[in-house]
Amino acid sequence: MHGNGVPVEAVAKADTVLIWGDSQMEWKDLFPPETKPEIQDMAIFIGGEAGNLWCVLVDYMEQTYRAKPKITYSGCTGKPGWNVKFQKSGQSFGTFYPEKGSFSVLIVISYKLDSQMQAILPTLSPEIAETYRQAGDFMKNGKWIMFRIKDAADLEDYKRIAAVKMLR
């Protein structure tokens, strides 16, 4: 047990020992730019049901779309740190950001796909459907939406949106 009563899981990375259970540490601090994490490191950091869903997502993207995860570092002030991108034939499926207890996805939906998106909105959770409706313009190319995946229902919503993106 760590001093704050949180169970400690430690993973050695290079010469650094990372304390997973330390709620004081943020993702960007656990894995600075020079310490690239693995997919499993991200799942452990996320933890719980969402950590398991992270692994389900990676398997789903590889099996369904043959899209391999690309781990990249971003200095973006909104979501700094390591993230994962999935692409196939130049088509982006979004950028995924690990968080404690969940992960977020940033995805751009082309305006050309708006009628298909409108058709699936009733099948999405009210929160994610409203996020799409309220989404802002992304460089005149489409809607830029970001939402959190914390449970299986959220992941299913993402899968529906990804399927629409493949209609291009």
Protein backbone atom coordinates (compact mmCIF):
# COMPACT_ATOMS: atom_id res chain seq x y z
CA MET A 1 0.00 0.00 0.00
CA HIS A 2 1.14 3.49 -0.81
CA GLY A 3 1.31 6.09 1.94
CA ASN A 4 -2.11 7.45 0.98
CA GLY A 5 -3.74 4.00 1.32
CA VAL A 6 -3.97 3.38 -2.43
CA PRO A 7 -2.67 -0.01 -3.64
CA VAL A 8 0.55 0.43 -5.56
CA GLU A 9 1.33 -1.21 -8.86
CA ALA A 10 4.81 -0.38 -10.05
CA VAL A 11 6.17 -0.84 -13.52
CA ALA A 12 9.84 -0.29 -14.35
CA LYS A 13 10.40 1.85 -17.42
CA ALA A 14 14.04 2.43 -18.31
CA ASP A 15 15.53 3.64 -15.02
CA THR A 16 12.27 5.05 -13.70
CA VAL A 17 9.72 3.37 -11.46
CA LEU A 18 6.20 4.61 -12.05
CA ILE A 19 3.58 4.48 -9.30
CA TRP A 20 0.25 3.70 -10.96
CA GLY A 21 -1.95 4.05 -7.91
CA ASP A 22 -0.68 7.51 -6.97
CA SER A 23 -3.70 9.69 -7.66
CA GLN A 24 -1.49 12.78 -7.48
CA MET A 25 0.32 11.87 -10.71
CA GLU A 26 -1.13 12.89 -14.04
CA TRP A 27 -0.71 10.91 -17.25
CA LYS A 28 1.72 13.43 -18.73
CA ASP A 29 3.86 13.21 -15.57
CA LEU A 30 3.92 9.40 -15.47
CA PHE A 31 5.12 9.24 -19.07
CA PRO A 32 7.09 12.33 -20.09
CA PRO A 33 8.02 12.80 -23.79
CA GLU A 34 11.15 10.65 -23.50
CA THR A 35 9.27 7.67 -21.97
CA LYS A 36 6.92 6.12 -24.53
CA PRO A 37 4.22 3.95 -22.95
CA GLU A 38 2.78 0.73 -24.34
CA ILE A 39 -0.93 0.13 -24.92
CA GLN A 40 -1.03 -2.00 -21.74
CA ASP A 41 0.51 0.86 -19.71
CA MET A 42 -2.37 3.04 -20.84
CA ALA A 43 -4.94 0.40 -19.85
CA ILE A 44 -3.39 0.08 -16.39
CA PHE A 45 -3.40 3.86 -15.92
CA ILE A 46 -7.05 4.11 -16.99
CA GLY A 47 -7.99 1.24 -14.68
CA GLY A 48 -11.25 -0.53 -13.91
CA GLU A 49 -13.92 -1.20 -16.52
CA ALA A 50 -12.63 1.60 -18.76
CA GLY A 51 -9.13 0.08 -18.73
CA ASN A 52 -10.61 -3.18 -19.98
CA LEU A 53 -12.59 -1.27 -22.62
CA TRP A 54 -9.34 0.36 -23.79
CA CYS A 55 -8.03 -3.12 -24.65
CA VAL A 56 -11.36 -4.04 -26.27
CA LEU A 57 -11.13 -0.88 -28.41
CA VAL A 58 -7.60 -1.68 -29.61
CA ASP A 59 -8.60 -5.26 -30.52
CA TYR A 60 -11.77 -4.02 -32.24
CA MET A 61 -9.90 -1.47 -34.37
CA GLU A 62 -7.28 -4.02 -35.40
CA GLN A 63 -9.78 -6.78 -36.20
CA THR A 64 -12.58 -4.73 -37.75
CA TYR A 65 -10.63 -2.10 -39.68
CA ARG A 66 -7.08 -3.50 -39.63
CA ALA A 67 -6.09 -0.19 -38.07
CA LYS A 68 -3.02 -0.44 -35.85
CA PRO A 69 -2.62 1.92 -32.89
CA LYS A 70 -0.07 4.69 -33.40
CA ILE A 71 1.23 6.02 -30.09
CA THR A 72 2.18 9.70 -30.36
CA TYR A 73 3.13 12.48 -27.98
CA SER A 74 1.28 15.78 -28.00
CA GLY A 75 2.33 18.99 -26.31
CA CYS A 76 -1.18 20.38 -26.87
CA THR A 77 -2.21 22.34 -23.80
CA GLY A 78 -5.73 20.87 -23.88
CA LYS A 79 -4.64 17.22 -23.56
CA PRO A 80 -0.85 17.01 -23.21
CA GLY A 81 0.89 13.66 -23.14
CA TRP A 82 0.92 10.38 -25.00
CA ASN A 83 -2.18 9.43 -26.99
CA VAL A 84 -3.23 6.85 -29.56
CA LYS A 85 -4.37 7.43 -33.12
CA PHE A 86 -6.02 4.94 -35.44
CA GLN A 87 -5.93 5.46 -39.21
CA LYS A 88 -6.62 3.41 -42.29
CA SER A 89 -5.92 4.55 -45.85
CA GLY A 90 -5.60 8.14 -44.65
CA GLN A 91 -8.94 7.95 -42.83
CA SER A 92 -8.66 8.99 -39.19
CA PHE A 93 -10.74 7.15 -36.61
CA GLY A 94 -9.82 9.69 -33.96
CA THR A 95 -7.27 10.43 -31.28
CA PHE A 96 -7.68 8.68 -27.92
CA TYR A 97 -6.48 10.16 -24.63
CA PRO A 98 -6.00 8.02 -21.49
CA GLU A 99 -7.54 9.41 -18.29
CA LYS A 100 -8.01 7.99 -14.81
CA GLY A 101 -11.18 5.88 -14.96
CA SER A 102 -11.98 6.69 -18.61
CA PHE A 103 -10.52 7.80 -21.92
CA SER A 104 -11.57 10.49 -24.35
CA VAL A 105 -11.77 10.48 -28.12
CA LEU A 106 -11.40 13.48 -30.42
CA ILE A 107 -12.88 12.78 -33.83
CA VAL A 108 -13.68 14.91 -36.88
CA ILE A 109 -16.81 13.99 -38.84
CA SER A 110 -16.95 15.29 -42.42
CA TYR A 111 -19.94 17.43 -43.34
CA LYS A 112 -20.45 14.96 -46.22
CA LEU A 113 -21.46 12.40 -43.59
CA ASP A 114 -23.99 14.60 -41.80
CA SER A 115 -27.07 12.79 -43.17
CA GLN A 116 -25.64 9.43 -42.04
CA MET A 117 -24.81 10.89 -38.63
CA GLN A 118 -28.31 12.34 -38.31
CA ALA A 119 -29.67 8.85 -39.02
CA ILE A 120 -27.71 7.26 -36.15
CA LEU A 121 -28.19 10.05 -33.57
CA PRO A 122 -31.30 8.35 -32.08
CA THR A 123 -29.19 5.23 -31.41
CA LEU A 124 -26.51 7.18 -29.52
CA SER A 125 -26.69 8.21 -25.88
CA PRO A 126 -28.41 11.58 -25.42
CA GLU A 127 -25.12 13.08 -24.19
CA ILE A 128 -23.05 11.99 -27.21
CA ALA A 129 -25.85 12.87 -29.66
CA GLU A 130 -26.02 16.37 -28.17
CA THR A 131 -22.22 16.68 -28.33
CA TYR A 132 -22.47 16.03 -32.08
CA ARG A 133 -25.32 18.51 -32.53
CA GLN A 134 -23.41 21.24 -30.68
CA ALA A 135 -20.01 20.49 -32.25
CA GLY A 136 -18.10 23.32 -33.82
CA ASP A 137 -16.66 23.60 -37.29
CA PHE A 138 -13.21 22.10 -37.89
CA MET A 139 -11.42 24.12 -40.57
CA LYS A 140 -14.56 24.05 -42.78
CA ASN A 141 -14.12 20.26 -43.16
CA GLY A 142 -16.51 18.90 -40.57
CA LYS A 143 -17.58 18.73 -36.97
CA TRP A 144 -14.94 18.32 -34.30
CA ILE A 145 -16.31 16.30 -31.37
CA MET A 146 -14.73 15.07 -28.17
CA PHE A 147 -16.39 12.75 -25.71
CA ARG A 148 -15.44 10.50 -22.84
CA ILE A 149 -15.65 6.70 -22.96
CA LYS A 150 -16.27 5.37 -19.46
CA ASP A 151 -18.49 2.34 -20.04
CA ALA A 152 -19.51 -0.22 -22.67
CA ALA A 153 -22.43 1.93 -23.90
CA ASP A 154 -20.05 4.81 -24.69
CA LEU A 155 -17.73 2.45 -26.56
CA GLU A 156 -20.67 1.15 -28.62
CA ASP A 157 -21.55 4.76 -29.51
CA TYR A 158 -17.97 5.29 -30.70
CA LYS A 159 -18.17 2.13 -32.83
CA ARG A 160 -21.36 3.43 -34.51
CA ILE A 161 -19.64 6.73 -35.30
CA ALA A 162 -16.53 4.94 -36.63
CA ALA A 163 -18.74 2.85 -38.93
CA VAL A 164 -20.24 6.05 -40.38
CA LYS A 165 -16.74 7.43 -41.02
CA MET A 166 -15.96 4.34 -43.12
CA LEU A 167 -18.84 5.19 -45.49
CA ARG A 168 -16.70 7.82 -47.24
